[in-house]
PDB file of N, CA and C in Angstrom:
ATOM      1  N   MET A   1       0.418  18.576   0.642  1.00  0.00           N
ATOM      2  CA  MET A   1       0.734  17.396   1.426  1.00  0.00           C
ATOM      3  C   MET A   1       0.536  16.163   0.567  1.00  0.00           C
ATOM      4  N   LEU A   2       1.388  15.185   0.772  1.00  0.00           N
ATOM      5  CA  LEU A   2       1.422  13.968  -0.026  1.00  0.00           C
ATOM      6  C   LEU A   2       1.380  12.767   0.903  1.00  0.00           C
ATOM      7  N   ALA A   3       0.779  11.671   0.441  1.00  0.00           N
ATOM      8  CA  ALA A   3       0.733  10.452   1.255  1.00  0.00           C
ATOM      9  C   ALA A   3       0.730   9.236   0.343  1.00  0.00           C
ATOM     10  N   VAL A   4       1.178   8.112   0.885  1.00  0.00           N
ATOM     11  CA  VAL A   4       1.096   6.825   0.196  1.00  0.00           C
ATOM     12  C   VAL A   4       0.172   5.947   1.031  1.00  0.00           C
ATOM     13  N   ILE A   5      -0.935   5.504   0.420  1.00  0.00           N
ATOM     14  CA  ILE A   5      -1.895   4.662   1.135  1.00  0.00           C
ATOM     15  C   ILE A   5      -1.891   3.261   0.539  1.00  0.00           C
ATOM     16  N   LYS A   6      -2.379   2.311   1.326  1.00  0.00           N
ATOM     17  CA  LYS A   6      -2.478   0.916   0.888  1.00  0.00           C
ATOM     18  C   LYS A   6      -3.936   0.494   0.966  1.00  0.00           C
ATOM     19  N   THR A   7      -4.466   0.005  -0.161  1.00  0.00           N
ATOM     20  CA  THR A   7      -5.821  -0.515  -0.196  1.00  0.00           C
ATOM     21  C   THR A   7      -5.936  -1.532  -1.319  1.00  0.00           C
ATOM     22  N   GLY A   8      -6.614  -2.619  -1.072  1.00  0.00           N
ATOM     23  CA  GLY A   8      -6.815  -3.649  -2.077  1.00  0.00           C
ATOM     24  C   GLY A   8      -5.534  -4.334  -2.508  1.00  0.00           C
ATOM     25  N   GLY A   9      -4.531  -4.375  -1.626  1.00  0.00           N
ATOM     26  CA  GLY A   9      -3.273  -5.020  -1.957  1.00  0.00           C
ATOM     27  C   GLY A   9      -2.358  -4.183  -2.825  1.00  0.00           C
ATOM     28  N   LYS A  10      -2.716  -2.916  -3.061  1.00  0.00           N
ATOM     29  CA  LYS A  10      -1.911  -2.027  -3.893  1.00  0.00           C
ATOM     30  C   LYS A  10      -1.600  -0.756  -3.109  1.00  0.00           C
ATOM     31  N   GLN A  11      -0.583  -0.023  -3.564  1.00  0.00           N
ATOM     32  CA  GLN A  11      -0.187   1.230  -2.940  1.00  0.00           C
ATOM     33  C   GLN A  11      -0.417   2.371  -3.921  1.00  0.00           C
ATOM     34  N   TYR A  12      -0.914   3.501  -3.408  1.00  0.00           N
ATOM     35  CA  TYR A  12      -1.227   4.655  -4.243  1.00  0.00           C
ATOM     36  C   TYR A  12      -0.619   5.908  -3.635  1.00  0.00           C
ATOM     37  N   ILE A  13      -0.024   6.761  -4.478  1.00  0.00           N
ATOM     38  CA  ILE A  13       0.458   8.073  -4.054  1.00  0.00           C
ATOM     39  C   ILE A  13      -0.700   9.036  -4.250  1.00  0.00           C
ATOM     40  N   VAL A  14      -1.108   9.743  -3.176  1.00  0.00           N
ATOM     41  CA  VAL A  14      -2.277  10.615  -3.250  1.00  0.00           C
ATOM     42  C   VAL A  14      -1.969  11.996  -2.692  1.00  0.00           C
ATOM     43  N   GLU A  15      -2.708  12.976  -3.198  1.00  0.00           N
ATOM     44  CA  GLU A  15      -2.707  14.336  -2.689  1.00  0.00           C
ATOM     45  C   GLU A  15      -4.168  14.737  -2.510  1.00  0.00           C
ATOM     46  N   SER A  16      -4.399  15.837  -1.835  1.00  0.00           N
ATOM     47  CA  SER A  16      -5.758  16.317  -1.650  1.00  0.00           C
ATOM     48  C   SER A  16      -6.329  16.714  -3.013  1.00  0.00           C
ATOM     49  N   GLY A  17      -7.528  16.226  -3.327  1.00  0.00           N
ATOM     50  CA  GLY A  17      -8.166  16.525  -4.596  1.00  0.00           C
ATOM     51  C   GLY A  17      -7.920  15.486  -5.680  1.00  0.00           C
ATOM     52  N   THR A  18      -7.069  14.489  -5.414  1.00  0.00           N
ATOM     53  CA  THR A  18      -6.765  13.456  -6.393  1.00  0.00           C
ATOM     54  C   THR A  18      -7.952  12.509  -6.572  1.00  0.00           C
ATOM     55  N   LYS A  19      -8.262  12.177  -7.834  1.00  0.00           N
ATOM     56  CA  LYS A  19      -9.284  11.172  -8.127  1.00  0.00           C
ATOM     57  C   LYS A  19      -8.566   9.934  -8.629  1.00  0.00           C
ATOM     58  N   LEU A  20      -8.933   8.768  -8.099  1.00  0.00           N
ATOM     59  CA  LEU A  20      -8.319   7.535  -8.562  1.00  0.00           C
ATOM     60  C   LEU A  20      -9.287   6.367  -8.449  1.00  0.00           C
ATOM     61  N   LYS A  21      -8.954   5.299  -9.193  1.00  0.00           N
ATOM     62  CA  LYS A  21      -9.774   4.093  -9.215  1.00  0.00           C
ATOM     63  C   LYS A  21      -9.043   3.017  -8.430  1.00  0.00           C
ATOM     64  N   VAL A  22      -9.711   2.483  -7.403  1.00  0.00           N
ATOM     65  CA  VAL A  22      -9.118   1.464  -6.538  1.00  0.00           C
ATOM     66  C   VAL A  22      -9.957   0.199  -6.627  1.00  0.00           C
ATOM     67  N   GLU A  23      -9.451  -0.883  -6.036  1.00  0.00           N
ATOM     68  CA  GLU A  23     -10.214  -2.133  -5.989  1.00  0.00           C
ATOM     69  C   GLU A  23     -11.551  -1.871  -5.294  1.00  0.00           C
ATOM     70  N   LYS A  24     -12.565  -2.634  -5.637  1.00  0.00           N
ATOM     71  CA  LYS A  24     -13.929  -2.417  -5.140  1.00  0.00           C
ATOM     72  C   LYS A  24     -14.002  -2.374  -3.623  1.00  0.00           C
ATOM     73  N   LEU A  25     -14.656  -1.316  -3.113  1.00  0.00           N
ATOM     74  CA  LEU A  25     -14.923  -1.150  -1.686  1.00  0.00           C
ATOM     75  C   LEU A  25     -16.422  -1.324  -1.471  1.00  0.00           C
ATOM     76  N   ASP A  26     -16.800  -1.994  -0.400  1.00  0.00           N
ATOM     77  CA  ASP A  26     -18.218  -2.271  -0.140  1.00  0.00           C
ATOM     78  C   ASP A  26     -18.873  -1.130   0.625  1.00  0.00           C
ATOM     79  N   LYS A  27     -18.953   0.027  -0.005  1.00  0.00           N
ATOM     80  CA  LYS A  27     -19.621   1.204   0.555  1.00  0.00           C
ATOM     81  C   LYS A  27     -20.447   1.839  -0.560  1.00  0.00           C
ATOM     82  N   PRO A  28     -21.555   2.494  -0.220  1.00  0.00           N
ATOM     83  CA  PRO A  28     -22.370   3.129  -1.263  1.00  0.00           C
ATOM     84  C   PRO A  28     -21.747   4.432  -1.765  1.00  0.00           C
ATOM     85  N   GLU A  29     -22.218   4.878  -2.929  1.00  0.00           N
ATOM     86  CA  GLU A  29     -21.735   6.121  -3.514  1.00  0.00           C
ATOM     87  C   GLU A  29     -22.103   7.304  -2.625  1.00  0.00           C
ATOM     88  N   GLY A  30     -21.201   8.293  -2.551  1.00  0.00           N
ATOM     89  CA  GLY A  30     -21.445   9.490  -1.755  1.00  0.00           C
ATOM     90  C   GLY A  30     -20.967   9.384  -0.323  1.00  0.00           C
ATOM     91  N   GLU A  31     -20.630   8.199   0.132  1.00  0.00           N
ATOM     92  CA  GLU A  31     -20.185   8.015   1.513  1.00  0.00           C
ATOM     93  C   GLU A  31     -18.698   8.369   1.647  1.00  0.00           C
ATOM     94  N   THR A  32     -18.309   8.808   2.845  1.00  0.00           N
ATOM     95  CA  THR A  32     -16.917   9.125   3.132  1.00  0.00           C
ATOM     96  C   THR A  32     -16.248   7.907   3.762  1.00  0.00           C
ATOM     97  N   ILE A  33     -15.012   7.651   3.354  1.00  0.00           N
ATOM     98  CA  ILE A  33     -14.255   6.515   3.865  1.00  0.00           C
ATOM     99  C   ILE A  33     -12.914   7.030   4.372  1.00  0.00           C
ATOM    100  N   VAL A  34     -12.385   6.364   5.416  1.00  0.00           N
ATOM    101  CA  VAL A  34     -11.111   6.755   6.006  1.00  0.00           C
ATOM    102  C   VAL A  34     -10.113   5.618   5.819  1.00  0.00           C
ATOM    103  N   PHE A  35      -8.964   5.947   5.234  1.00  0.00           N
ATOM    104  CA  PHE A  35      -7.875   4.984   5.071  1.00  0.00           C
ATOM    105  C   PHE A  35      -6.881   5.212   6.207  1.00  0.00           C
ATOM    106  N   SER A  36      -6.674   4.199   7.047  1.00  0.00           N
ATOM    107  CA  SER A  36      -5.729   4.329   8.153  1.00  0.00           C
ATOM    108  C   SER A  36      -4.395   3.653   7.845  1.00  0.00           C
ATOM    109  N   ASP A  37      -4.316   2.912   6.734  1.00  0.00           N
ATOM    110  CA  ASP A  37      -3.052   2.288   6.321  1.00  0.00           C
ATOM    111  C   ASP A  37      -2.247   3.286   5.491  1.00  0.00           C
ATOM    112  N   VAL A  38      -1.653   4.267   6.174  1.00  0.00           N
ATOM    113  CA  VAL A  38      -0.829   5.283   5.519  1.00  0.00           C
ATOM    114  C   VAL A  38       0.626   4.878   5.710  1.00  0.00           C
ATOM    115  N   LEU A  39       1.327   4.638   4.604  1.00  0.00           N
ATOM    116  CA  LEU A  39       2.698   4.136   4.658  1.00  0.00           C
ATOM    117  C   LEU A  39       3.732   5.257   4.704  1.00  0.00           C
ATOM    118  N   LEU A  40       3.394   6.447   4.172  1.00  0.00           N
ATOM    119  CA  LEU A  40       4.338   7.546   4.104  1.00  0.00           C
ATOM    120  C   LEU A  40       3.576   8.855   4.017  1.00  0.00           C
ATOM    121  N   THR A  41       4.089   9.892   4.672  1.00  0.00           N
ATOM    122  CA  THR A  41       3.531  11.235   4.532  1.00  0.00           C
ATOM    123  C   THR A  41       4.661  12.210   4.247  1.00  0.00           C
ATOM    124  N   GLU A  42       4.338  13.284   3.517  1.00  0.00           N
ATOM    125  CA  GLU A  42       5.305  14.321   3.193  1.00  0.00           C
ATOM    126  C   GLU A  42       4.600  15.661   3.283  1.00  0.00           C
ATOM    127  N   GLU A  43       5.189  16.573   4.055  1.00  0.00           N
ATOM    128  CA  GLU A  43       4.621  17.908   4.191  1.00  0.00           C
ATOM    129  C   GLU A  43       5.763  18.906   4.301  1.00  0.00           C
ATOM    130  N   ASN A  44       5.802  19.862   3.354  1.00  0.00           N
ATOM    131  CA  ASN A  44       6.830  20.908   3.309  1.00  0.00           C
ATOM    132  C   ASN A  44       8.246  20.332   3.323  1.00  0.00           C
ATOM    133  N   GLY A  45       8.472  19.264   2.580  1.00  0.00           N
ATOM    134  CA  GLY A  45       9.801  18.672   2.496  1.00  0.00           C
ATOM    135  C   GLY A  45      10.152  17.732   3.631  1.00  0.00           C
ATOM    136  N   LYS A  46       9.290  17.642   4.645  1.00  0.00           N
ATOM    137  CA  LYS A  46       9.531  16.737   5.776  1.00  0.00           C
ATOM    138  C   LYS A  46       8.832  15.410   5.492  1.00  0.00           C
ATOM    139  N   VAL A  47       9.609  14.349   5.373  1.00  0.00           N
ATOM    140  CA  VAL A  47       9.074  13.024   5.036  1.00  0.00           C
ATOM    141  C   VAL A  47       9.025  12.173   6.293  1.00  0.00           C
ATOM    142  N   GLU A  48       7.875  11.527   6.508  1.00  0.00           N
ATOM    143  CA  GLU A  48       7.720  10.606   7.640  1.00  0.00           C
ATOM    144  C   GLU A  48       7.362   9.233   7.081  1.00  0.00           C
ATOM    145  N   ILE A  49       8.232   8.263   7.331  1.00  0.00           N
ATOM    146  CA  ILE A  49       8.047   6.909   6.825  1.00  0.00           C
ATOM    147  C   ILE A  49       7.539   6.023   7.955  1.00  0.00           C
ATOM    148  N   GLY A  50       6.506   5.238   7.690  1.00  0.00           N
ATOM    149  CA  GLY A  50       5.925   4.371   8.698  1.00  0.00           C
ATOM    150  C   GLY A  50       6.703   3.089   8.886  1.00  0.00           C
ATOM    151  N   ASP A  51       6.400   2.413   9.984  1.00  0.00           N
ATOM    152  CA  ASP A  51       7.080   1.147  10.305  1.00  0.00           C
ATOM    153  C   ASP A  51       6.059   0.131  10.798  1.00  0.00           C
ATOM    154  N   PRO A  52       5.182  -0.462  10.042  1.00  0.00           N
ATOM    155  CA  PRO A  52       4.966  -0.299   8.606  1.00  0.00           C
ATOM    156  C   PRO A  52       4.009   0.839   8.263  1.00  0.00           C
ATOM    157  N   ILE A  53       3.224   1.360   9.234  1.00  0.00           N
ATOM    158  CA  ILE A  53       2.318   2.471   8.943  1.00  0.00           C
ATOM    159  C   ILE A  53       2.669   3.656   9.822  1.00  0.00           C
ATOM    160  N   VAL A  54       2.297   4.851   9.373  1.00  0.00           N
ATOM    161  CA  VAL A  54       2.525   6.071  10.140  1.00  0.00           C
ATOM    162  C   VAL A  54       1.436   6.163  11.199  1.00  0.00           C
ATOM    163  N   LYS A  55       1.841   6.237  12.451  1.00  0.00           N
ATOM    164  CA  LYS A  55       0.875   6.270  13.554  1.00  0.00           C
ATOM    165  C   LYS A  55       0.122   7.605  13.570  1.00  0.00           C
ATOM    166  N   GLY A  56      -1.205   7.520  13.652  1.00  0.00           N
ATOM    167  CA  GLY A  56      -2.044   8.710  13.746  1.00  0.00           C
ATOM    168  C   GLY A  56      -2.392   9.349  12.413  1.00  0.00           C
ATOM    169  N   ALA A  57      -1.811   8.904  11.321  1.00  0.00           N
ATOM    170  CA  ALA A  57      -2.094   9.486  10.012  1.00  0.00           C
ATOM    171  C   ALA A  57      -3.340   8.843   9.410  1.00  0.00           C
ATOM    172  N   LYS A  58      -4.180   9.677   8.806  1.00  0.00           N
ATOM    173  CA  LYS A  58      -5.409   9.199   8.179  1.00  0.00           C
ATOM    174  C   LYS A  58      -5.646   9.959   6.888  1.00  0.00           C
ATOM    175  N   VAL A  59      -6.255   9.290   5.928  1.00  0.00           N
ATOM    176  CA  VAL A  59      -6.621   9.906   4.658  1.00  0.00           C
ATOM    177  C   VAL A  59      -8.119   9.724   4.480  1.00  0.00           C
ATOM    178  N   GLU A  60      -8.834  10.846   4.303  1.00  0.00           N
ATOM    179  CA  GLU A  60     -10.281  10.802   4.109  1.00  0.00           C
ATOM    180  C   GLU A  60     -10.579  10.926   2.617  1.00  0.00           C
ATOM    181  N   ALA A  61     -11.523  10.120   2.137  1.00  0.00           N
ATOM    182  CA  ALA A  61     -11.899  10.135   0.726  1.00  0.00           C
ATOM    183  C   ALA A  61     -13.404   9.990   0.590  1.00  0.00           C
ATOM    184  N   LYS A  62     -13.927  10.498  -0.516  1.00  0.00           N
ATOM    185  CA  LYS A  62     -15.344  10.384  -0.815  1.00  0.00           C
ATOM    186  C   LYS A  62     -15.501   9.427  -1.995  1.00  0.00           C
ATOM    187  N   ILE A  63     -16.463   8.512  -1.897  1.00  0.00           N
ATOM    188  CA  ILE A  63     -16.717   7.555  -2.972  1.00  0.00           C
ATOM    189  C   ILE A  63     -17.580   8.237  -4.031  1.00  0.00           C
ATOM    190  N   LEU A  64     -17.033   8.319  -5.252  1.00  0.00           N
ATOM    191  CA  LEU A  64     -17.741   8.978  -6.343  1.00  0.00           C
ATOM    192  C   LEU A  64     -18.647   8.021  -7.103  1.00  0.00           C
ATOM    193  N   LYS A  65     -18.128   6.820  -7.449  1.00  0.00           N
ATOM    194  CA  LYS A  65     -18.983   5.850  -8.146  1.00  0.00           C
ATOM    195  C   LYS A  65     -18.422   4.441  -8.045  1.00  0.00           C
ATOM    196  N   GLN A  66     -19.314   3.476  -8.206  1.00  0.00           N
ATOM    197  CA  GLN A  66     -18.989   2.047  -8.285  1.00  0.00           C
ATOM    198  C   GLN A  66     -19.239   1.642  -9.736  1.00  0.00           C
ATOM    199  N   ASP A  67     -18.245   1.036 -10.365  1.00  0.00           N
ATOM    200  CA  ASP A  67     -18.392   0.705 -11.782  1.00  0.00           C
ATOM    201  C   ASP A  67     -17.516  -0.493 -12.129  1.00  0.00           C
ATOM    202  N   LYS A  68     -17.439  -0.830 -13.415  1.00  0.00           N
ATOM    203  CA  LYS A  68     -16.585  -1.908 -13.898  1.00  0.00           C
ATOM    204  C   LYS A  68     -15.694  -1.362 -15.003  1.00  0.00           C
ATOM    205  N   PHE A  69     -14.467  -1.926 -15.110  1.00  0.00           N
ATOM    206  CA  PHE A  69     -13.565  -1.571 -16.192  1.00  0.00           C
ATOM    207  C   PHE A  69     -14.091  -2.168 -17.494  1.00  0.00           C
ATOM    208  N   GLU A  70     -13.438  -1.802 -18.607  1.00  0.00           N
ATOM    209  CA  GLU A  70     -13.791  -2.377 -19.905  1.00  0.00           C
ATOM    210  C   GLU A  70     -13.526  -3.880 -19.908  1.00  0.00           C
ATOM    211  N   LYS A  71     -14.212  -4.585 -20.795  1.00  0.00           N
ATOM    212  CA  LYS A  71     -14.082  -6.038 -20.863  1.00  0.00           C
ATOM    213  C   LYS A  71     -12.704  -6.435 -21.387  1.00  0.00           C
ATOM    214  N   VAL A  72     -12.105  -7.442 -20.732  1.00  0.00           N
ATOM    215  CA  VAL A  72     -10.843  -8.030 -21.160  1.00  0.00           C
ATOM    216  C   VAL A  72     -11.172  -9.424 -21.692  1.00  0.00           C
ATOM    217  N   ILE A  73     -10.698  -9.710 -22.898  1.00  0.00           N
ATOM    218  CA  ILE A  73     -10.951 -11.011 -23.517  1.00  0.00           C
ATOM    219  C   ILE A  73      -9.783 -11.947 -23.212  1.00  0.00           C
ATOM    220  N   VAL A  74     -10.101 -13.134 -22.692  1.00  0.00           N
ATOM    221  CA  VAL A  74      -9.113 -14.170 -22.430  1.00  0.00           C
ATOM    222  C   VAL A  74      -9.384 -15.284 -23.433  1.00  0.00           C
ATOM    223  N   PHE A  75      -8.409 -15.582 -24.287  1.00  0.00           N
ATOM    224  CA  PHE A  75      -8.589 -16.592 -25.322  1.00  0.00           C
ATOM    225  C   PHE A  75      -7.522 -17.659 -25.168  1.00  0.00           C
ATOM    226  N   LYS A  76      -7.941 -18.897 -24.945  1.00  0.00           N
ATOM    227  CA  LYS A  76      -7.031 -20.028 -24.822  1.00  0.00           C
ATOM    228  C   LYS A  76      -7.126 -20.857 -26.089  1.00  0.00           C
ATOM    229  N   TYR A  77      -5.986 -21.335 -26.576  1.00  0.00           N
ATOM    230  CA  TYR A  77      -5.948 -22.049 -27.842  1.00  0.00           C
ATOM    231  C   TYR A  77      -4.790 -23.040 -27.860  1.00  0.00           C
ATOM    232  N   LYS A  78      -5.068 -24.249 -28.317  1.00  0.00           N
ATOM    233  CA  LYS A  78      -4.024 -25.260 -28.499  1.00  0.00           C
ATOM    234  C   LYS A  78      -4.068 -25.702 -29.959  1.00  0.00           C
ATOM    235  N   SER A  79      -2.953 -25.545 -30.649  1.00  0.00           N
ATOM    236  CA  SER A  79      -2.934 -25.868 -32.072  1.00  0.00           C
ATOM    237  C   SER A  79      -3.058 -27.371 -32.303  1.00  0.00           C
ATOM    238  N   LYS A  80      -3.736 -27.712 -33.361  1.00  0.00           N
ATOM    239  CA  LYS A  80      -3.906 -29.110 -33.820  1.00  0.00           C
ATOM    240  C   LYS A  80      -4.684 -29.996 -32.853  1.00  0.00           C
ATOM    241  N   LYS A  81      -5.326 -29.445 -31.847  1.00  0.00           N
ATOM    242  CA  LYS A  81      -6.069 -30.250 -30.867  1.00  0.00           C
ATOM    243  C   LYS A  81      -7.555 -29.908 -30.816  1.00  0.00           C
ATOM    244  N   ARG A  82      -8.001 -28.980 -31.648  1.00  0.00           N
ATOM    245  CA  ARG A  82      -9.398 -28.522 -31.655  1.00  0.00           C
ATOM    246  C   ARG A  82      -9.844 -27.989 -30.306  1.00  0.00           C
ATOM    247  N   TYR A  83      -8.941 -27.296 -29.633  1.00  0.00           N
ATOM    248  CA  TYR A  83      -9.263 -26.733 -28.310  1.00  0.00           C
ATOM    249  C   TYR A  83      -9.173 -25.213 -28.385  1.00  0.00           C
ATOM    250  N   LYS A  84     -10.269 -24.543 -28.034  1.00  0.00           N
ATOM    251  CA  LYS A  84     -10.242 -23.091 -27.892  1.00  0.00           C
ATOM    252  C   LYS A  84     -11.349 -22.664 -26.934  1.00  0.00           C
ATOM    253  N   ARG A  85     -11.033 -21.684 -26.100  1.00  0.00           N
ATOM    254  CA  ARG A  85     -11.983 -21.151 -25.125  1.00  0.00           C
ATOM    255  C   ARG A  85     -11.888 -19.632 -25.138  1.00  0.00           C
ATOM    256  N   LYS A  86     -13.020 -18.974 -25.204  1.00  0.00           N
ATOM    257  CA  LYS A  86     -13.063 -17.510 -25.183  1.00  0.00           C
ATOM    258  C   LYS A  86     -13.854 -17.080 -23.952  1.00  0.00           C
ATOM    259  N   ILE A  87     -13.204 -16.306 -23.090  1.00  0.00           N
ATOM    260  CA  ILE A  87     -13.809 -15.868 -21.834  1.00  0.00           C
ATOM    261  C   ILE A  87     -13.639 -14.356 -21.717  1.00  0.00           C
ATOM    262  N   GLY A  88     -14.672 -13.658 -21.245  1.00  0.00           N
ATOM    263  CA  GLY A  88     -14.596 -12.217 -20.997  1.00  0.00           C
ATOM    264  C   GLY A  88     -14.632 -11.940 -19.500  1.00  0.00           C
ATOM    265  N   HIS A  89     -13.977 -10.841 -19.097  1.00  0.00           N
ATOM    266  CA  HIS A  89     -13.953 -10.472 -17.677  1.00  0.00           C
ATOM    267  C   HIS A  89     -14.003  -8.957 -17.533  1.00  0.00           C
ATOM    268  N   ARG A  90     -14.842  -8.481 -16.609  1.00  0.00           N
ATOM    269  CA  ARG A  90     -14.908  -7.050 -16.280  1.00  0.00           C
ATOM    270  C   ARG A  90     -14.635  -6.901 -14.792  1.00  0.00           C
ATOM    271  N   GLN A  91     -13.523  -6.256 -14.460  1.00  0.00           N
ATOM    272  CA  GLN A  91     -13.104  -6.075 -13.065  1.00  0.00           C
ATOM    273  C   GLN A  91     -13.863  -4.906 -12.445  1.00  0.00           C
ATOM    274  N   PRO A  92     -14.516  -5.098 -11.289  1.00  0.00           N
ATOM    275  CA  PRO A  92     -15.185  -3.980 -10.631  1.00  0.00           C
ATOM    276  C   PRO A  92     -14.173  -3.052  -9.956  1.00  0.00           C
ATOM    277  N   PHE A  93     -14.523  -1.748  -9.881  1.00  0.00           N
ATOM    278  CA  PHE A  93     -13.664  -0.783  -9.213  1.00  0.00           C
ATOM    279  C   PHE A  93     -14.509   0.267  -8.505  1.00  0.00           C
ATOM    280  N   THR A  94     -13.873   1.027  -7.628  1.00  0.00           N
ATOM    281  CA  THR A  94     -14.498   2.143  -6.935  1.00  0.00           C
ATOM    282  C   THR A  94     -13.689   3.389  -7.244  1.00  0.00           C
ATOM    283  N   GLU A  95     -14.348   4.429  -7.729  1.00  0.00           N
ATOM    284  CA  GLU A  95     -13.655   5.691  -7.979  1.00  0.00           C
ATOM    285  C   GLU A  95     -13.806   6.575  -6.743  1.00  0.00           C
ATOM    286  N   ILE A  96     -12.668   7.068  -6.227  1.00  0.00           N
ATOM    287  CA  ILE A  96     -12.681   7.893  -5.022  1.00  0.00           C
ATOM    288  C   ILE A  96     -11.996   9.229  -5.292  1.00  0.00           C
ATOM    289  N   GLU A  97     -12.324  10.213  -4.455  1.00  0.00           N
ATOM    290  CA  GLU A  97     -11.653  11.513  -4.484  1.00  0.00           C
ATOM    291  C   GLU A  97     -11.105  11.783  -3.087  1.00  0.00           C
ATOM    292  N   ILE A  98      -9.834  12.110  -2.994  1.00  0.00           N
ATOM    293  CA  ILE A  98      -9.188  12.364  -1.707  1.00  0.00           C
ATOM    294  C   ILE A  98      -9.625  13.737  -1.213  1.00  0.00           C
ATOM    295  N   LEU A  99     -10.169  13.782  -0.016  1.00  0.00           N
ATOM    296  CA  LEU A  99     -10.627  15.033   0.579  1.00  0.00           C
ATOM    297  C   LEU A  99      -9.550  15.688   1.425  1.00  0.00           C
ATOM    298  N   SER A 100      -8.941  14.907   2.337  1.00  0.00           N
ATOM    299  CA  SER A 100      -7.936  15.488   3.221  1.00  0.00           C
ATOM    300  C   SER A 100      -6.967  14.429   3.702  1.00  0.00           C
ATOM    301  N   ILE A 101      -5.768  14.906   4.086  1.00  0.00           N
ATOM    302  CA  ILE A 101      -4.727  14.051   4.655  1.00  0.00           C
ATOM    303  C   ILE A 101      -4.383  14.627   6.013  1.00  0.00           C
ATOM    304  N   LYS A 102      -4.582  13.828   7.055  1.00  0.00           N
ATOM    305  CA  LYS A 102      -4.313  14.284   8.424  1.00  0.00           C
ATOM    306  C   LYS A 102      -3.129  13.512   8.984  1.00  0.00           C
ATOM    307  N   ASN A 103      -2.179  14.239   9.535  1.00  0.00           N
ATOM    308  CA  ASN A 103      -0.975  13.618  10.051  1.00  0.00           C
ATOM    309  C   ASN A 103      -1.019  13.503  11.554  1.00  0.00           C
TER     310      ASN A 103
END
């Protein structure tokens, strides 16, 4: 079974057992979370498209860890003006594992 879920302003294609990194969720590690914003489901070739979400469909996931991505360096520079700024940023994320998809 396949589903498309929406979380953190992004859409993800998921199957049971899939591990993925999503925008930070405010839940502790080890807790189960339910995504009710399911945009599409597919089972045995039968596709159900939501308007905008599929009614009654839910995706259960377990939170594996809360962490940050690698540092991204932002460097601003203007030639001949003695202007330069160096800034680092680490985006937080939540790693989840999809447990089940219920239609």
